[in-house]
Protein backbone atom coordinates (compact mmCIF):
# COMPACT_ATOMS: atom_id res chain seq x y z
CA UNK A 1 105.18 -25.26 -37.74
CA UNK A 2 105.92 -24.31 -34.17
CA UNK A 3 103.17 -22.01 -33.04
CA UNK A 4 104.53 -21.01 -29.42
CA UNK A 5 106.98 -21.63 -26.70
CA UNK A 6 106.25 -22.73 -23.10
CA UNK A 7 107.67 -23.34 -19.64
CA UNK A 8 106.37 -26.15 -17.68
CA UNK A 9 108.18 -27.77 -14.55
CA UNK A 10 111.48 -25.46 -15.34
CA UNK A 11 111.61 -26.84 -18.69
CA UNK A 12 111.03 -25.32 -22.82
CA UNK A 13 108.65 -26.77 -24.75
CA UNK A 14 108.06 -26.29 -28.19
CA UNK A 15 104.43 -25.95 -29.28
CA UNK A 16 103.47 -27.75 -32.70
CA UNK A 17 100.61 -27.34 -34.52
CA UNK A 18 99.04 -31.19 -35.30
CA UNK A 19 97.10 -30.50 -38.21
CA UNK A 20 100.53 -29.79 -40.94
CA UNK A 21 100.51 -32.73 -42.72
CA UNK A 22 102.85 -34.83 -41.87
CA UNK A 23 105.64 -34.07 -44.61
CA UNK A 24 106.00 -30.27 -43.03
CA UNK A 25 106.67 -31.50 -39.76
CA UNK A 26 109.00 -33.71 -40.67
CA UNK A 27 110.94 -31.38 -43.16
CA UNK A 28 110.73 -29.02 -39.64
CA UNK A 29 112.54 -31.64 -37.29
CA UNK A 30 115.65 -31.91 -40.69
CA UNK A 31 116.00 -28.03 -40.65
CA UNK A 32 116.35 -27.56 -37.01
CA UNK A 33 118.57 -31.00 -36.95
CA UNK A 34 115.99 -32.13 -34.02
CA UNK A 35 115.52 -35.83 -35.67
CA UNK A 36 117.55 -37.68 -33.54
CA UNK A 37 116.55 -35.50 -30.74
CA UNK A 38 112.77 -36.68 -30.20
CA UNK A 39 113.81 -39.86 -28.51
CA UNK A 40 116.25 -38.09 -26.87
CA UNK A 41 115.03 -37.72 -23.12
CA UNK A 42 118.06 -35.66 -22.04
CA UNK A 43 117.20 -33.08 -24.26
CA UNK A 44 115.91 -29.89 -23.01
CA UNK A 45 112.92 -29.25 -25.91
CA UNK A 46 109.40 -31.49 -25.88
CA UNK A 47 106.89 -31.82 -28.49
CA UNK A 48 102.80 -31.16 -27.80
CA UNK A 49 100.61 -30.94 -30.56
CA UNK A 50 97.51 -28.67 -30.04
CA UNK A 51 95.06 -29.69 -32.44
CA UNK A 52 92.45 -31.60 -32.67
CA UNK A 53 93.02 -35.43 -34.22
CA UNK A 54 93.35 -35.69 -38.02
CA UNK A 55 91.08 -38.57 -40.07
CA UNK A 56 94.27 -40.10 -40.81
CA UNK A 57 95.66 -43.49 -39.79
CA UNK A 58 98.36 -42.61 -36.84
CA UNK A 59 102.06 -43.03 -37.79
CA UNK A 60 104.57 -43.75 -35.41
CA UNK A 61 105.75 -40.14 -34.97
CA UNK A 62 101.94 -38.91 -33.86
CA UNK A 63 102.10 -41.60 -31.15
CA UNK A 64 105.49 -39.71 -29.94
CA UNK A 65 103.62 -36.42 -29.84
CA UNK A 66 101.19 -36.36 -27.71
CA UNK A 67 98.28 -33.98 -28.63
CA UNK A 68 95.95 -31.56 -26.56
CA UNK A 69 98.28 -30.48 -23.88
CA UNK A 70 97.52 -26.84 -22.38
CA UNK A 71 99.80 -24.61 -21.83
CA UNK A 72 99.74 -23.82 -17.97
CA UNK A 73 101.44 -21.22 -15.39
CA UNK A 74 100.97 -23.83 -12.67
CA UNK A 75 102.64 -26.79 -11.26
CA UNK A 76 101.79 -29.88 -11.95
CA UNK A 77 99.95 -30.78 -8.49
CA UNK A 78 97.76 -28.02 -9.26
CA UNK A 79 96.60 -28.81 -12.51
CA UNK A 80 96.23 -33.04 -11.90
CA UNK A 81 94.86 -33.33 -8.12
CA UNK A 82 93.73 -31.52 -4.87
CA UNK A 83 95.44 -30.62 -2.11
CA UNK A 84 92.67 -30.57 0.66
CA UNK A 85 93.23 -34.05 1.04
CA UNK A 86 96.31 -35.53 1.51
CA UNK A 87 97.08 -38.87 1.37
CA UNK A 88 100.78 -41.04 3.45
CA UNK A 89 101.82 -44.40 1.60
CA UNK A 90 103.91 -46.34 3.89
CA UNK A 91 105.89 -49.21 2.99
CA UNK A 92 107.66 -51.76 5.70
CA UNK A 93 109.35 -54.43 4.85
CA UNK A 94 109.23 -56.49 7.85
CA UNK A 95 111.48 -59.41 9.16
CA UNK A 96 110.87 -62.58 8.15
CA UNK A 97 109.81 -64.42 11.47
CA UNK A 98 107.87 -61.31 12.72
CA UNK A 99 105.04 -61.08 10.07
CA UNK A 100 102.65 -62.32 12.62
CA UNK A 101 103.66 -59.91 15.38
CA UNK A 102 104.10 -57.00 13.19
CA UNK A 103 100.44 -57.70 11.77
CA UNK A 104 98.72 -57.29 15.34
CA UNK A 105 100.81 -54.43 16.44
CA UNK A 106 99.82 -52.13 12.90
CA UNK A 107 95.94 -53.54 13.98
CA UNK A 108 96.43 -52.10 17.34
CA UNK A 109 98.33 -48.54 15.90
CA UNK A 110 94.81 -48.21 13.70
CA UNK A 111 92.92 -49.11 16.61
CA UNK A 112 94.34 -46.51 17.92
CA UNK A 113 93.76 -43.79 15.44
CA UNK A 114 90.50 -44.50 14.46
CA UNK A 115 89.45 -43.94 18.54
CA UNK A 116 91.90 -40.90 18.25
CA UNK A 117 89.85 -39.51 14.76
CA UNK A 118 86.69 -39.56 17.02
CA UNK A 119 87.15 -38.77 20.02
CA UNK A 120 90.56 -36.13 19.69
CA UNK A 121 90.30 -35.14 16.32
CA UNK A 122 93.25 -36.60 14.98
CA UNK A 123 92.94 -36.01 11.67
CA UNK A 124 93.91 -39.28 9.10
CA UNK A 125 92.16 -42.36 8.13
CA UNK A 126 93.27 -45.80 7.38
CA UNK A 127 92.18 -46.24 3.92
CA UNK A 128 93.79 -49.71 3.07
CA UNK A 129 96.45 -51.86 4.23
CA UNK A 130 97.86 -54.79 2.09
CA UNK A 131 100.56 -57.34 2.38
CA UNK A 132 102.82 -58.18 -0.81
CA UNK A 133 102.17 -61.47 -1.57
CA UNK A 134 104.54 -61.28 -5.46
CA UNK A 135 106.77 -58.62 -4.94
CA UNK A 136 108.85 -58.02 -2.04
CA UNK A 137 108.01 -60.88 0.14
CA UNK A 138 107.41 -59.72 3.97
CA UNK A 139 106.11 -56.42 2.47
CA UNK A 140 103.56 -54.50 3.95
CA UNK A 141 101.94 -51.51 1.98
CA UNK A 142 99.44 -48.92 4.13
CA UNK A 143 97.61 -45.96 2.37
CA UNK A 144 96.37 -43.30 5.02
CA UNK A 145 93.92 -40.20 4.18
CA UNK A 146 94.39 -36.42 5.93
CA UNK A 147 91.27 -34.62 5.00
CA UNK A 148 92.60 -30.87 5.54
CA UNK A 149 95.78 -30.94 3.81
CA UNK A 150 99.36 -30.25 5.20
CA UNK A 151 97.22 -28.63 7.72
CA UNK A 152 95.64 -31.83 9.09
CA UNK A 153 99.12 -33.69 8.63
CA UNK A 154 100.85 -31.49 10.50
CA UNK A 155 98.24 -31.86 13.58
CA UNK A 156 98.10 -35.42 13.48
CA UNK A 157 102.45 -35.79 13.40
CA UNK A 158 102.50 -33.08 16.12
CA UNK A 159 99.64 -35.20 18.43
CA UNK A 160 101.27 -38.83 17.34
CA UNK A 161 105.04 -37.63 18.41
CA UNK A 162 103.76 -36.97 21.90
CA UNK A 163 101.40 -39.30 22.75
CA UNK A 164 102.26 -41.97 24.77
CA UNK A 165 99.96 -44.49 23.45
CA UNK A 166 101.08 -44.52 19.84
CA UNK A 167 105.00 -43.81 21.33
CA UNK A 168 104.74 -47.76 22.75
CA UNK A 169 103.32 -49.20 19.91
CA UNK A 170 105.83 -48.05 17.42
CA UNK A 171 109.15 -48.15 19.36
CA UNK A 172 107.42 -52.11 19.90
CA UNK A 173 106.87 -52.36 15.57
CA UNK A 174 110.55 -51.13 15.51
CA UNK A 175 111.53 -55.02 16.86
CA UNK A 176 110.08 -56.14 13.90
CA UNK A 177 110.82 -53.99 10.70
CA UNK A 178 113.83 -53.89 9.06
CA UNK A 179 113.43 -51.14 6.01
CA UNK A 180 110.46 -48.26 6.38
CA UNK A 181 109.22 -46.01 3.31
CA UNK A 182 107.37 -43.03 3.32
CA UNK A 183 105.44 -40.96 1.17
CA UNK A 184 102.88 -37.57 0.28
CA UNK A 185 100.49 -38.17 -2.31
CA UNK A 186 97.73 -36.28 -4.05
CA UNK A 187 95.27 -38.19 -5.65
CA UNK A 188 94.75 -37.43 -9.68
CA UNK A 189 91.60 -35.58 -10.21
CA UNK A 190 90.51 -37.61 -13.21
CA UNK A 191 90.58 -40.83 -11.31
CA UNK A 192 87.40 -42.01 -9.65
CA UNK A 193 87.23 -41.79 -6.07
CA UNK A 194 88.32 -44.02 -3.62
CA UNK A 195 85.70 -46.22 -2.32
CA UNK A 196 86.11 -49.58 -0.20
CA UNK A 197 85.68 -53.17 -1.22
CA UNK A 198 83.58 -56.04 0.32
CA UNK A 199 86.17 -58.58 -0.71
CA UNK A 200 87.79 -61.35 -0.88
CA UNK A 201 90.34 -58.85 -4.06
CA UNK A 202 93.74 -59.01 -4.71
CA UNK A 203 95.35 -55.55 -5.52
CA UNK A 204 97.89 -54.55 -8.28
CA UNK A 205 99.92 -51.15 -7.02
CA UNK A 206 101.61 -50.30 -10.48
CA UNK A 207 104.13 -47.81 -9.50
CA UNK A 208 106.37 -45.74 -12.38
CA UNK A 209 108.79 -43.25 -12.18
CA UNK A 210 107.92 -40.75 -15.09
CA UNK A 211 110.83 -38.17 -16.43
CA UNK A 212 110.89 -35.16 -15.30
CA UNK A 213 109.07 -32.60 -17.21
CA UNK A 214 106.46 -35.32 -18.23
CA UNK A 215 103.67 -35.44 -15.20
CA UNK A 216 101.13 -32.96 -16.96
CA UNK A 217 101.73 -35.19 -20.18
CA UNK A 218 100.84 -38.07 -18.70
CA UNK A 219 97.96 -37.08 -16.64
CA UNK A 220 96.73 -35.54 -20.45
CA UNK A 221 96.50 -38.83 -21.84
CA UNK A 222 95.37 -40.88 -18.48
CA UNK A 223 92.38 -38.71 -18.22
CA UNK A 224 91.49 -40.26 -21.99
CA UNK A 225 92.79 -43.78 -21.14
CA UNK A 226 91.11 -44.08 -17.75
CA UNK A 227 87.93 -44.31 -19.14
CA UNK A 228 89.14 -48.04 -20.91
CA UNK A 229 89.49 -49.13 -17.18
CA UNK A 230 86.24 -48.71 -15.75
CA UNK A 231 84.11 -52.19 -16.74
CA UNK A 232 84.83 -53.65 -13.71
CA UNK A 233 85.15 -51.01 -11.41
CA UNK A 234 88.82 -51.95 -11.29
CA UNK A 235 90.46 -48.53 -10.31
CA UNK A 236 91.17 -48.53 -6.94
CA UNK A 237 93.15 -45.38 -6.80
CA UNK A 238 95.64 -43.09 -8.60
CA UNK A 239 98.59 -41.05 -7.17
CA UNK A 240 101.49 -38.67 -7.55
CA UNK A 241 103.99 -38.02 -4.99
CA UNK A 242 104.39 -34.53 -3.56
CA UNK A 243 107.20 -35.36 -0.82
CA UNK A 244 109.19 -38.51 -1.29
CA UNK A 245 110.50 -39.41 -4.73
CA UNK A 246 109.59 -37.30 -7.22
CA UNK A 247 107.95 -37.71 -11.01
CA UNK A 248 106.46 -41.38 -9.10
CA UNK A 249 102.59 -42.97 -9.98
CA UNK A 250 101.37 -45.34 -8.27
CA UNK A 251 98.09 -46.69 -9.14
CA UNK A 252 96.22 -49.23 -7.08
CA UNK A 253 93.62 -52.00 -9.23
CA UNK A 254 91.37 -54.08 -7.60
CA UNK A 255 90.85 -57.60 -9.03
CA UNK A 256 88.24 -60.59 -7.84
CA UNK A 257 90.71 -63.07 -9.02
CA UNK A 258 94.38 -63.07 -10.69
CA UNK A 259 92.18 -65.29 -13.55
CA UNK A 260 90.14 -61.67 -13.44
CA UNK A 261 93.01 -59.33 -13.48
CA UNK A 262 94.27 -61.67 -16.76
CA UNK A 263 90.60 -61.45 -18.50
CA UNK A 264 90.37 -56.94 -17.68
CA UNK A 265 93.54 -56.06 -18.33
CA UNK A 266 92.99 -57.89 -22.29
CA UNK A 267 89.80 -56.97 -22.96
CA UNK A 268 91.55 -53.29 -22.37
CA UNK A 269 92.98 -53.67 -25.65
CA UNK A 270 89.56 -54.40 -27.68
CA UNK A 271 88.42 -50.72 -26.59
CA UNK A 272 89.59 -48.18 -29.64
CA UNK A 273 91.67 -45.57 -27.84
CA UNK A 274 93.41 -47.60 -25.45
CA UNK A 275 96.69 -49.06 -27.55
CA UNK A 276 97.03 -44.79 -28.11
CA UNK A 277 96.92 -44.46 -24.16
CA UNK A 278 100.05 -46.81 -23.93
CA UNK A 279 101.67 -45.55 -26.79
CA UNK A 280 101.58 -42.35 -25.74
CA UNK A 281 102.46 -42.89 -22.41
CA UNK A 282 105.48 -46.02 -22.82
CA UNK A 283 108.11 -43.07 -23.65
CA UNK A 284 107.41 -41.04 -20.42
CA UNK A 285 108.19 -43.99 -18.21
CA UNK A 286 112.14 -44.10 -16.67
CA UNK A 287 110.91 -47.53 -14.63
CA UNK A 288 108.08 -49.58 -13.82
CA UNK A 289 107.73 -51.78 -10.44
CA UNK A 290 104.05 -53.85 -9.71
CA UNK A 291 102.85 -55.71 -6.98
CA UNK A 292 99.86 -57.76 -6.58
CA UNK A 293 99.12 -57.33 -3.09
CA UNK A 294 96.06 -59.03 -0.21
CA UNK A 295 94.38 -57.14 2.53
CA UNK A 296 95.49 -57.61 5.76
CA UNK A 297 92.40 -58.86 8.33
CA UNK A 298 92.17 -55.11 9.21
CA UNK A 299 92.20 -53.44 6.08
CA UNK A 300 89.44 -51.28 5.43
CA UNK A 301 88.95 -52.36 1.91
CA UNK A 302 89.09 -56.39 1.23
C-alpha cells in the first residue's frame, strides 16, 4: 500500500510499504491501472520500498522495487558525494600518426602543472592518465583532481588561460587531436578513496548513462553492492557527472591482468547479494560503454 509521496529531482515518487504481501501489492497496481507502467521509463511515477527485507525468496517484482530509499530534500549530488573535491575527466581522440607526439606533449603538460602546483599554488593534480587498449582506438583518458571545490577550478582555469607556457603546449597539442571532451565529476561517497597503484595493471572504465531521476536509487544499491567487489582491491574510482552528460556514472576498476579481471568478476557472483545489486540497477541503465585502458608512462597510477 502507499504510505506517502515524495519528490526527487522534479519527479513524483509513490512510496510503497514492502512489508505488505505481494498479493496486496499486485492488487494495488491492478486497481490503479499501473501494472503496465512499472516497466515504462516514461512514467512519472517510480516505486521505492521503505521497509526491511522479508525472509521469503524475492521474486521479479521485488527486484524492481528497490528498498530502503530514504526521502530527501537535497539534490542527488549533495546526498551521494562531496563538492569539496572536483574531478575533471578529459577524453581525447588522437590522430593515429600523432600518438607518440601527443604522449610527449601531454607528459610535458603534466610536468608543468605539477611544477605550478608546487610553486604557484595551482590547485589541480593529475590522478591518472591512460591510453585505451580495447574500445575507441587512439583514445586517451586523463583524470584531474581539484582540491577545494569549484573555487579551485576557477583559479586553475584562470591561470592556465593566460599562462604563456601552458598556452604553447595546448596549441601544439591541437595539431594531434581530432576530438576532445571534458566533464566535471563528483566522487561517490561510498566508494573507497582513490589511491595510486604500483604496476603493471590494466584499468577498466565502465560508463553508465542512467534514466533521469534514478541516481539516488542507483547509489543506494551500489552502496551495498560495492562491498562485494572489494576482495581483490579492484575499485579505483567511482564518479557521477556534475557538468557534462548528466545522469552519467563512471566506474574505474584496476586489475593485474585480463585473467585476473575474469576471475574477479566471476567470483563476485558467489557472494549472496551481488545478484540483487545487478538485478536492481540494470533497469536503471539506458546505455553502457566500457573501455580497457593501460597507463601512460607518466601516469601517477600504474
